[in-house]
Structures are given as C-alpha cells and as structure tokens.
Amino acid sequence: MDFWNNLDNQLELSLEVLDDFIAEAKEIRDTNEWLNYGLPLHRMREMGFYSKIFDMLDERKLAKDELREFFRLLFGTNNMDGVPDPEADWSGFVDSIERLCRKEGKTWNPITKRMDYWVDIRKLKRAYRKKGWLW
C-alpha cells in the first residue's frame, strides 16, 4: 500500500489506491461521516470507475457543489432532475436527497454493521450547517 500511495503522490496520476472495504469505509467516515460507504461504491472503485469526486471522499469534506455531483453518480442523473442547487436551497436539496435515499432503500453499512440508508440526513445537515445556525 505504501508503495502505491507514494507513487500516486509523486506522479499525480489518475490512480486511486484502495484499501479493503472496511478500511476504506473508516477513512471516508473520518471526512464525510454522513455517507454510508456501501459495497456497491467500493466495487465501482475496484473495477476502475474513476471520478475525482470518488477520489476525494476519503481526502476531505466535499464542497456543496461537489455533493450535487456525487449524488448524481450515486442516484443517477435522471433521479437528480429537479433537485435544488444546495447553495441556493439547502433545505430543498436535503429533502430531495432524503426522498431519494428512501426510494433507493438500504444497503449494508460496514461501520454500524446493519442496513442503513446511503446518507445519514442528520449527519449531512450537521456537517454543512453554517456556524452559528441552530437548524
């Protein structure tokens, strides 16, 4: 792992070094705790599907505009039609994501070791609330 991580850092390649499923889930929890890193996401990454958004999941908290792109990959472009822009209508955006999660159903969560929705809405709201706001 160290060899590949060092190579990725030195060469700035479009190379993502993946750990095992549970270790990746723990890394992502540290930066984007609202996401249930389900096995289908891990398998997509293992099979070589590349998206810079996927690469950033374990590196830093996604920006609001990146959330929109991530959810487009997760739920599909057609399902994201009509979903408000998170910068313009955060509440509407979150409501839409919650609706999509319920529609999609639950997937195994390697952290909690139970079936969970893809997104923990409460944690998503907490992660992106503006300082000083109590909603």
N, C-alpha and C. Protein backbone atom coordinates (compact mmCIF):
# COMPACT_ATOMS: atom_id res chain seq x y z
N MET A 1 0.83 -1.19 0.00
CA MET A 1 0.00 0.00 0.00
C MET A 1 0.88 1.25 0.00
N ASP A 2 1.91 1.25 0.83
CA ASP A 2 2.78 2.43 0.90
C ASP A 2 3.42 2.73 -0.46
N PHE A 3 3.87 1.68 -1.15
CA PHE A 3 4.48 1.88 -2.46
C PHE A 3 3.53 2.60 -3.41
N TRP A 4 2.28 2.09 -3.52
CA TRP A 4 1.31 2.67 -4.45
C TRP A 4 0.88 4.07 -4.02
N ASN A 5 0.71 4.28 -2.72
CA ASN A 5 0.35 5.62 -2.24
C ASN A 5 1.46 6.62 -2.54
N ASN A 6 2.71 6.23 -2.33
CA ASN A 6 3.83 7.12 -2.64
C ASN A 6 3.92 7.41 -4.14
N LEU A 7 3.71 6.39 -4.94
CA LEU A 7 3.73 6.58 -6.39
C LEU A 7 2.63 7.55 -6.81
N ASP A 8 1.44 7.37 -6.27
CA ASP A 8 0.32 8.27 -6.57
C ASP A 8 0.65 9.70 -6.17
N ASN A 9 1.24 9.89 -5.01
CA ASN A 9 1.59 11.23 -4.54
C ASN A 9 2.68 11.88 -5.39
N GLN A 10 3.65 11.10 -5.82
CA GLN A 10 4.77 11.64 -6.58
C GLN A 10 4.41 11.96 -8.02
N LEU A 11 3.61 11.13 -8.64
CA LEU A 11 3.36 11.27 -10.07
C LEU A 11 2.05 11.99 -10.39
N GLU A 12 1.21 12.21 -9.40
CA GLU A 12 -0.07 12.89 -9.64
C GLU A 12 -0.86 12.19 -10.76
N LEU A 13 -0.84 10.87 -10.74
CA LEU A 13 -1.57 10.09 -11.73
C LEU A 13 -3.04 10.00 -11.36
N SER A 14 -3.86 9.62 -12.32
CA SER A 14 -5.27 9.32 -12.03
C SER A 14 -5.32 7.90 -11.48
N LEU A 15 -4.69 7.74 -10.35
CA LEU A 15 -4.55 6.44 -9.73
C LEU A 15 -5.10 6.53 -8.32
N GLU A 16 -6.03 5.68 -8.00
CA GLU A 16 -6.59 5.66 -6.65
C GLU A 16 -6.20 4.33 -6.03
N VAL A 17 -5.52 4.40 -4.90
CA VAL A 17 -5.11 3.20 -4.19
C VAL A 17 -6.19 2.90 -3.16
N LEU A 18 -6.80 1.74 -3.29
CA LEU A 18 -7.87 1.35 -2.38
C LEU A 18 -7.39 0.35 -1.37
N ASP A 19 -7.85 0.54 -0.17
CA ASP A 19 -7.64 -0.43 0.90
C ASP A 19 -8.81 -1.42 0.81
N ASP A 20 -8.93 -2.29 1.78
CA ASP A 20 -10.08 -3.19 1.78
C ASP A 20 -11.35 -2.41 2.10
N PHE A 21 -12.48 -3.01 1.89
CA PHE A 21 -13.79 -2.37 2.01
C PHE A 21 -13.98 -1.67 3.36
N ILE A 22 -13.72 -2.35 4.43
CA ILE A 22 -13.96 -1.78 5.77
C ILE A 22 -12.98 -0.66 6.07
N ALA A 23 -11.73 -0.82 5.71
CA ALA A 23 -10.74 0.25 5.94
C ALA A 23 -11.10 1.50 5.14
N GLU A 24 -11.54 1.32 3.89
CA GLU A 24 -11.98 2.47 3.08
C GLU A 24 -13.18 3.15 3.73
N ALA A 25 -14.12 2.36 4.21
CA ALA A 25 -15.31 2.92 4.86
C ALA A 25 -14.91 3.76 6.08
N LYS A 26 -13.93 3.29 6.83
CA LYS A 26 -13.48 4.04 8.01
C LYS A 26 -12.79 5.34 7.60
N GLU A 27 -12.00 5.30 6.54
CA GLU A 27 -11.34 6.53 6.06
C GLU A 27 -12.37 7.55 5.60
N ILE A 28 -13.37 7.10 4.89
CA ILE A 28 -14.40 8.01 4.39
C ILE A 28 -15.24 8.55 5.55
N ARG A 29 -15.50 7.74 6.54
CA ARG A 29 -16.24 8.20 7.71
C ARG A 29 -15.54 9.37 8.37
N ASP A 30 -14.22 9.37 8.36
CA ASP A 30 -13.46 10.44 9.01
C ASP A 30 -13.62 11.79 8.30
N THR A 31 -13.92 11.79 7.01
CA THR A 31 -14.04 13.05 6.27
C THR A 31 -15.47 13.38 5.84
N ASN A 32 -16.25 12.37 5.57
CA ASN A 32 -17.64 12.55 5.13
C ASN A 32 -18.52 11.55 5.89
N GLU A 33 -18.68 11.81 7.18
CA GLU A 33 -19.32 10.84 8.07
C GLU A 33 -20.78 10.57 7.74
N TRP A 34 -21.39 11.42 6.95
CA TRP A 34 -22.79 11.27 6.58
C TRP A 34 -23.01 10.15 5.57
N LEU A 35 -21.94 9.69 4.91
CA LEU A 35 -22.06 8.69 3.83
C LEU A 35 -21.92 7.27 4.36
N ASN A 36 -22.85 6.44 3.97
CA ASN A 36 -22.72 5.01 4.19
C ASN A 36 -21.95 4.47 2.98
N TYR A 37 -20.71 4.13 3.21
CA TYR A 37 -19.86 3.63 2.12
C TYR A 37 -20.22 2.17 1.86
N GLY A 38 -21.29 1.99 1.13
CA GLY A 38 -21.78 0.65 0.82
C GLY A 38 -20.89 -0.08 -0.18
N LEU A 39 -21.02 -1.38 -0.17
CA LEU A 39 -20.19 -2.23 -1.04
C LEU A 39 -20.31 -1.88 -2.52
N PRO A 40 -21.50 -1.49 -3.04
CA PRO A 40 -21.54 -1.12 -4.46
C PRO A 40 -20.60 0.03 -4.82
N LEU A 41 -20.43 1.00 -3.93
CA LEU A 41 -19.48 2.09 -4.19
C LEU A 41 -18.05 1.54 -4.25
N HIS A 42 -17.74 0.68 -3.31
CA HIS A 42 -16.39 0.11 -3.28
C HIS A 42 -16.12 -0.72 -4.53
N ARG A 43 -17.10 -1.51 -4.93
CA ARG A 43 -16.93 -2.34 -6.14
C ARG A 43 -16.74 -1.47 -7.38
N MET A 44 -17.49 -0.37 -7.48
CA MET A 44 -17.31 0.53 -8.62
C MET A 44 -15.88 1.02 -8.68
N ARG A 45 -15.35 1.41 -7.53
CA ARG A 45 -13.99 1.93 -7.48
C ARG A 45 -12.97 0.82 -7.78
N GLU A 46 -13.21 -0.38 -7.27
CA GLU A 46 -12.31 -1.51 -7.55
C GLU A 46 -12.27 -1.84 -9.04
N MET A 47 -13.41 -1.69 -9.70
CA MET A 47 -13.48 -2.04 -11.13
C MET A 47 -12.95 -0.93 -12.02
N GLY A 48 -12.47 0.16 -11.42
CA GLY A 48 -11.80 1.18 -12.20
C GLY A 48 -12.64 2.37 -12.59
N PHE A 49 -13.89 2.43 -12.12
CA PHE A 49 -14.68 3.63 -12.41
C PHE A 49 -13.98 4.80 -11.75
N TYR A 50 -13.62 5.80 -12.53
CA TYR A 50 -12.88 6.91 -11.97
C TYR A 50 -13.71 8.19 -12.00
N SER A 51 -13.76 8.82 -10.88
CA SER A 51 -14.34 10.14 -10.74
C SER A 51 -13.53 10.86 -9.67
N LYS A 52 -13.16 12.09 -9.94
CA LYS A 52 -12.41 12.87 -8.96
C LYS A 52 -13.18 12.97 -7.64
N ILE A 53 -14.50 13.00 -7.73
CA ILE A 53 -15.34 13.06 -6.52
C ILE A 53 -15.09 11.81 -5.66
N PHE A 54 -15.05 10.64 -6.28
CA PHE A 54 -14.79 9.41 -5.52
C PHE A 54 -13.41 9.46 -4.88
N ASP A 55 -12.45 10.02 -5.61
CA ASP A 55 -11.09 10.14 -5.11
C ASP A 55 -11.03 11.03 -3.86
N MET A 56 -11.88 12.04 -3.81
CA MET A 56 -11.85 12.99 -2.69
C MET A 56 -12.61 12.52 -1.46
N LEU A 57 -13.43 11.50 -1.59
CA LEU A 57 -14.27 11.07 -0.47
C LEU A 57 -13.48 10.81 0.81
N ASP A 58 -12.30 10.26 0.68
CA ASP A 58 -11.50 9.97 1.89
C ASP A 58 -10.41 11.01 2.14
N GLU A 59 -10.40 12.08 1.34
CA GLU A 59 -9.36 13.10 1.50
C GLU A 59 -9.84 14.35 2.21
N ARG A 60 -11.10 14.74 1.96
CA ARG A 60 -11.61 15.97 2.58
C ARG A 60 -13.13 15.99 2.47
N LYS A 61 -13.74 16.88 3.25
CA LYS A 61 -15.18 17.06 3.18
C LYS A 61 -15.53 17.63 1.80
N LEU A 62 -16.53 17.05 1.17
CA LEU A 62 -16.94 17.53 -0.14
C LEU A 62 -17.57 18.92 -0.01
N ALA A 63 -17.33 19.78 -0.99
CA ALA A 63 -17.98 21.08 -1.05
C ALA A 63 -19.43 20.87 -1.48
N LYS A 64 -20.27 21.85 -1.23
CA LYS A 64 -21.70 21.69 -1.57
C LYS A 64 -21.93 21.42 -3.05
N ASP A 65 -21.18 22.07 -3.93
CA ASP A 65 -21.37 21.80 -5.36
C ASP A 65 -20.87 20.39 -5.72
N GLU A 66 -19.92 19.88 -4.98
CA GLU A 66 -19.45 18.51 -5.20
C GLU A 66 -20.48 17.49 -4.70
N LEU A 67 -21.23 17.86 -3.67
CA LEU A 67 -22.29 16.98 -3.19
C LEU A 67 -23.27 16.67 -4.31
N ARG A 68 -23.64 17.70 -5.02
CA ARG A 68 -24.58 17.53 -6.13
C ARG A 68 -24.04 16.54 -7.16
N GLU A 69 -22.77 16.67 -7.51
CA GLU A 69 -22.15 15.76 -8.47
C GLU A 69 -22.05 14.34 -7.91
N PHE A 70 -21.70 14.22 -6.64
CA PHE A 70 -21.61 12.90 -6.02
C PHE A 70 -22.97 12.20 -6.03
N PHE A 71 -24.01 12.93 -5.64
CA PHE A 71 -25.34 12.33 -5.61
C PHE A 71 -25.84 12.00 -7.01
N ARG A 72 -25.38 12.72 -8.00
CA ARG A 72 -25.72 12.39 -9.39
C ARG A 72 -25.10 11.02 -9.74
N LEU A 73 -23.89 10.77 -9.29
CA LEU A 73 -23.25 9.47 -9.53
C LEU A 73 -23.93 8.37 -8.72
N LEU A 74 -24.32 8.68 -7.50
CA LEU A 74 -24.91 7.69 -6.61
C LEU A 74 -26.34 7.32 -7.02
N PHE A 75 -27.17 8.32 -7.29
CA PHE A 75 -28.59 8.08 -7.55
C PHE A 75 -28.96 8.10 -9.02
N GLY A 76 -28.08 8.60 -9.88
CA GLY A 76 -28.37 8.66 -11.30
C GLY A 76 -28.81 10.05 -11.73
N THR A 77 -28.40 10.43 -12.91
CA THR A 77 -28.70 11.77 -13.43
C THR A 77 -30.20 12.03 -13.49
N ASN A 78 -30.97 11.07 -13.99
CA ASN A 78 -32.42 11.27 -14.11
C ASN A 78 -33.07 11.51 -12.76
N ASN A 79 -32.62 10.82 -11.73
CA ASN A 79 -33.20 10.99 -10.40
C ASN A 79 -32.85 12.34 -9.79
N MET A 80 -31.78 12.96 -10.27
CA MET A 80 -31.37 14.25 -9.74
C MET A 80 -32.05 15.42 -10.46
N ASP A 81 -32.77 15.13 -11.53
CA ASP A 81 -33.52 16.19 -12.22
C ASP A 81 -34.50 16.81 -11.23
N GLY A 82 -34.49 18.13 -11.16
CA GLY A 82 -35.40 18.84 -10.28
C GLY A 82 -34.93 19.01 -8.85
N VAL A 83 -33.79 18.39 -8.51
CA VAL A 83 -33.24 18.55 -7.16
C VAL A 83 -32.62 19.95 -7.08
N PRO A 84 -33.02 20.74 -6.08
CA PRO A 84 -32.49 22.11 -5.99
C PRO A 84 -30.98 22.15 -5.81
N ASP A 85 -30.40 23.26 -6.22
CA ASP A 85 -28.97 23.50 -6.01
C ASP A 85 -28.75 23.67 -4.51
N PRO A 86 -27.78 22.96 -3.92
CA PRO A 86 -27.56 23.05 -2.47
C PRO A 86 -27.15 24.44 -2.00
N GLU A 87 -26.50 25.21 -2.86
CA GLU A 87 -26.11 26.57 -2.47
C GLU A 87 -27.32 27.51 -2.43
N ALA A 88 -28.29 27.27 -3.31
CA ALA A 88 -29.45 28.15 -3.41
C ALA A 88 -30.58 27.74 -2.47
N ASP A 89 -30.78 26.43 -2.29
CA ASP A 89 -31.90 25.93 -1.48
C ASP A 89 -31.46 24.68 -0.73
N TRP A 90 -30.70 24.89 0.33
CA TRP A 90 -30.15 23.77 1.10
C TRP A 90 -31.25 22.87 1.63
N SER A 91 -32.28 23.45 2.20
CA SER A 91 -33.36 22.67 2.78
C SER A 91 -34.05 21.81 1.73
N GLY A 92 -34.34 22.38 0.58
CA GLY A 92 -34.96 21.63 -0.52
C GLY A 92 -34.04 20.53 -1.04
N PHE A 93 -32.75 20.85 -1.09
CA PHE A 93 -31.76 19.86 -1.53
C PHE A 93 -31.75 18.67 -0.58
N VAL A 94 -31.68 18.93 0.71
CA VAL A 94 -31.63 17.86 1.71
C VAL A 94 -32.91 17.03 1.68
N ASP A 95 -34.06 17.69 1.56
CA ASP A 95 -35.33 16.96 1.47
C ASP A 95 -35.34 16.03 0.26
N SER A 96 -34.82 16.51 -0.85
CA SER A 96 -34.77 15.69 -2.07
C SER A 96 -33.84 14.49 -1.89
N ILE A 97 -32.69 14.71 -1.26
CA ILE A 97 -31.74 13.61 -1.03
C ILE A 97 -32.36 12.58 -0.08
N GLU A 98 -33.06 13.04 0.92
CA GLU A 98 -33.73 12.12 1.84
C GLU A 98 -34.76 11.27 1.09
N ARG A 99 -35.53 11.91 0.21
CA ARG A 99 -36.52 11.19 -0.58
C ARG A 99 -35.85 10.14 -1.48
N LEU A 100 -34.74 10.52 -2.11
CA LEU A 100 -34.01 9.58 -2.97
C LEU A 100 -33.44 8.40 -2.18
N CYS A 101 -32.97 8.68 -0.97
CA CYS A 101 -32.45 7.60 -0.12
C CYS A 101 -33.54 6.59 0.20
N ARG A 102 -34.69 7.10 0.57
CA ARG A 102 -35.81 6.20 0.91
C ARG A 102 -36.26 5.40 -0.32
N LYS A 103 -36.26 6.05 -1.46
CA LYS A 103 -36.63 5.37 -2.71
C LYS A 103 -35.62 4.27 -3.05
N GLU A 104 -34.35 4.57 -2.86
CA GLU A 104 -33.28 3.62 -3.19
C GLU A 104 -33.24 2.44 -2.22
N GLY A 105 -33.60 2.68 -0.98
CA GLY A 105 -33.57 1.62 0.02
C GLY A 105 -32.24 1.58 0.77
N LYS A 106 -32.11 0.60 1.60
CA LYS A 106 -30.94 0.49 2.47
C LYS A 106 -29.89 -0.44 1.88
N THR A 107 -28.67 -0.22 2.32
CA THR A 107 -27.54 -1.06 1.93
C THR A 107 -26.71 -1.34 3.18
N TRP A 108 -25.92 -2.37 3.15
CA TRP A 108 -25.12 -2.75 4.31
C TRP A 108 -24.11 -1.66 4.65
N ASN A 109 -24.07 -1.29 5.92
CA ASN A 109 -23.13 -0.29 6.41
C ASN A 109 -22.02 -1.01 7.16
N PRO A 110 -20.79 -0.99 6.65
CA PRO A 110 -19.71 -1.73 7.29
C PRO A 110 -19.28 -1.14 8.64
N ILE A 111 -19.65 0.09 8.91
CA ILE A 111 -19.29 0.72 10.19
C ILE A 111 -20.27 0.32 11.28
N THR A 112 -21.57 0.48 10.99
CA THR A 112 -22.59 0.16 12.00
C THR A 112 -22.95 -1.32 12.01
N LYS A 113 -22.56 -2.02 10.96
CA LYS A 113 -22.85 -3.45 10.78
C LYS A 113 -24.36 -3.72 10.77
N ARG A 114 -25.07 -2.86 10.04
CA ARG A 114 -26.50 -3.05 9.84
C ARG A 114 -26.90 -2.39 8.51
N MET A 115 -28.12 -2.62 8.12
CA MET A 115 -28.63 -1.99 6.91
C MET A 115 -28.97 -0.54 7.22
N ASP A 116 -28.47 0.40 6.40
CA ASP A 116 -28.71 1.82 6.58
C ASP A 116 -28.95 2.45 5.21
N TYR A 117 -29.54 3.64 5.23
CA TYR A 117 -29.66 4.41 4.00
C TYR A 117 -28.28 4.89 3.58
N TRP A 118 -28.14 5.24 2.32
CA TRP A 118 -26.86 5.73 1.79
C TRP A 118 -26.38 6.98 2.53
N VAL A 119 -27.32 7.81 2.94
CA VAL A 119 -26.97 9.09 3.57
C VAL A 119 -27.68 9.21 4.91
N ASP A 120 -26.91 9.53 5.94
CA ASP A 120 -27.48 9.87 7.24
C ASP A 120 -27.80 11.36 7.18
N ILE A 121 -29.08 11.68 7.00
CA ILE A 121 -29.51 13.06 6.78
C ILE A 121 -29.14 13.95 7.97
N ARG A 122 -29.29 13.44 9.16
CA ARG A 122 -28.94 14.23 10.35
C ARG A 122 -27.47 14.62 10.33
N LYS A 123 -26.60 13.69 9.98
CA LYS A 123 -25.16 13.98 9.91
C LYS A 123 -24.83 14.90 8.74
N LEU A 124 -25.55 14.74 7.64
CA LEU A 124 -25.34 15.62 6.49
C LEU A 124 -25.67 17.07 6.88
N LYS A 125 -26.79 17.26 7.53
CA LYS A 125 -27.18 18.61 7.97
C LYS A 125 -26.15 19.19 8.93
N ARG A 126 -25.69 18.38 9.86
CA ARG A 126 -24.70 18.85 10.84
C ARG A 126 -23.38 19.21 10.17
N ALA A 127 -22.98 18.41 9.21
CA ALA A 127 -21.69 18.64 8.54
C ALA A 127 -21.66 19.93 7.73
N TYR A 128 -22.83 20.36 7.22
CA TYR A 128 -22.85 21.51 6.33
C TYR A 128 -23.61 22.72 6.90
N ARG A 129 -23.98 22.66 8.16
CA ARG A 129 -24.67 23.83 8.72
C ARG A 129 -23.69 24.97 8.88
N LYS A 130 -24.20 26.15 8.73
CA LYS A 130 -23.36 27.33 8.89
C LYS A 130 -23.11 27.57 10.37
N LYS A 131 -21.92 27.95 10.70
CA LYS A 131 -21.58 28.21 12.09
C LYS A 131 -22.53 29.26 12.65
N GLY A 132 -23.03 28.99 13.85
CA GLY A 132 -23.94 29.91 14.49
C GLY A 132 -25.41 29.61 14.20
N TRP A 133 -25.69 28.73 13.23
CA TRP A 133 -27.07 28.39 12.91
C TRP A 133 -27.46 27.15 13.72
N LEU A 134 -28.66 27.10 14.18
CA LEU A 134 -29.10 26.00 15.04
C LEU A 134 -30.02 25.00 14.37
N TRP A 135 -30.23 25.08 13.09
CA TRP A 135 -31.13 24.11 12.43
C TRP A 135 -30.42 22.83 12.29
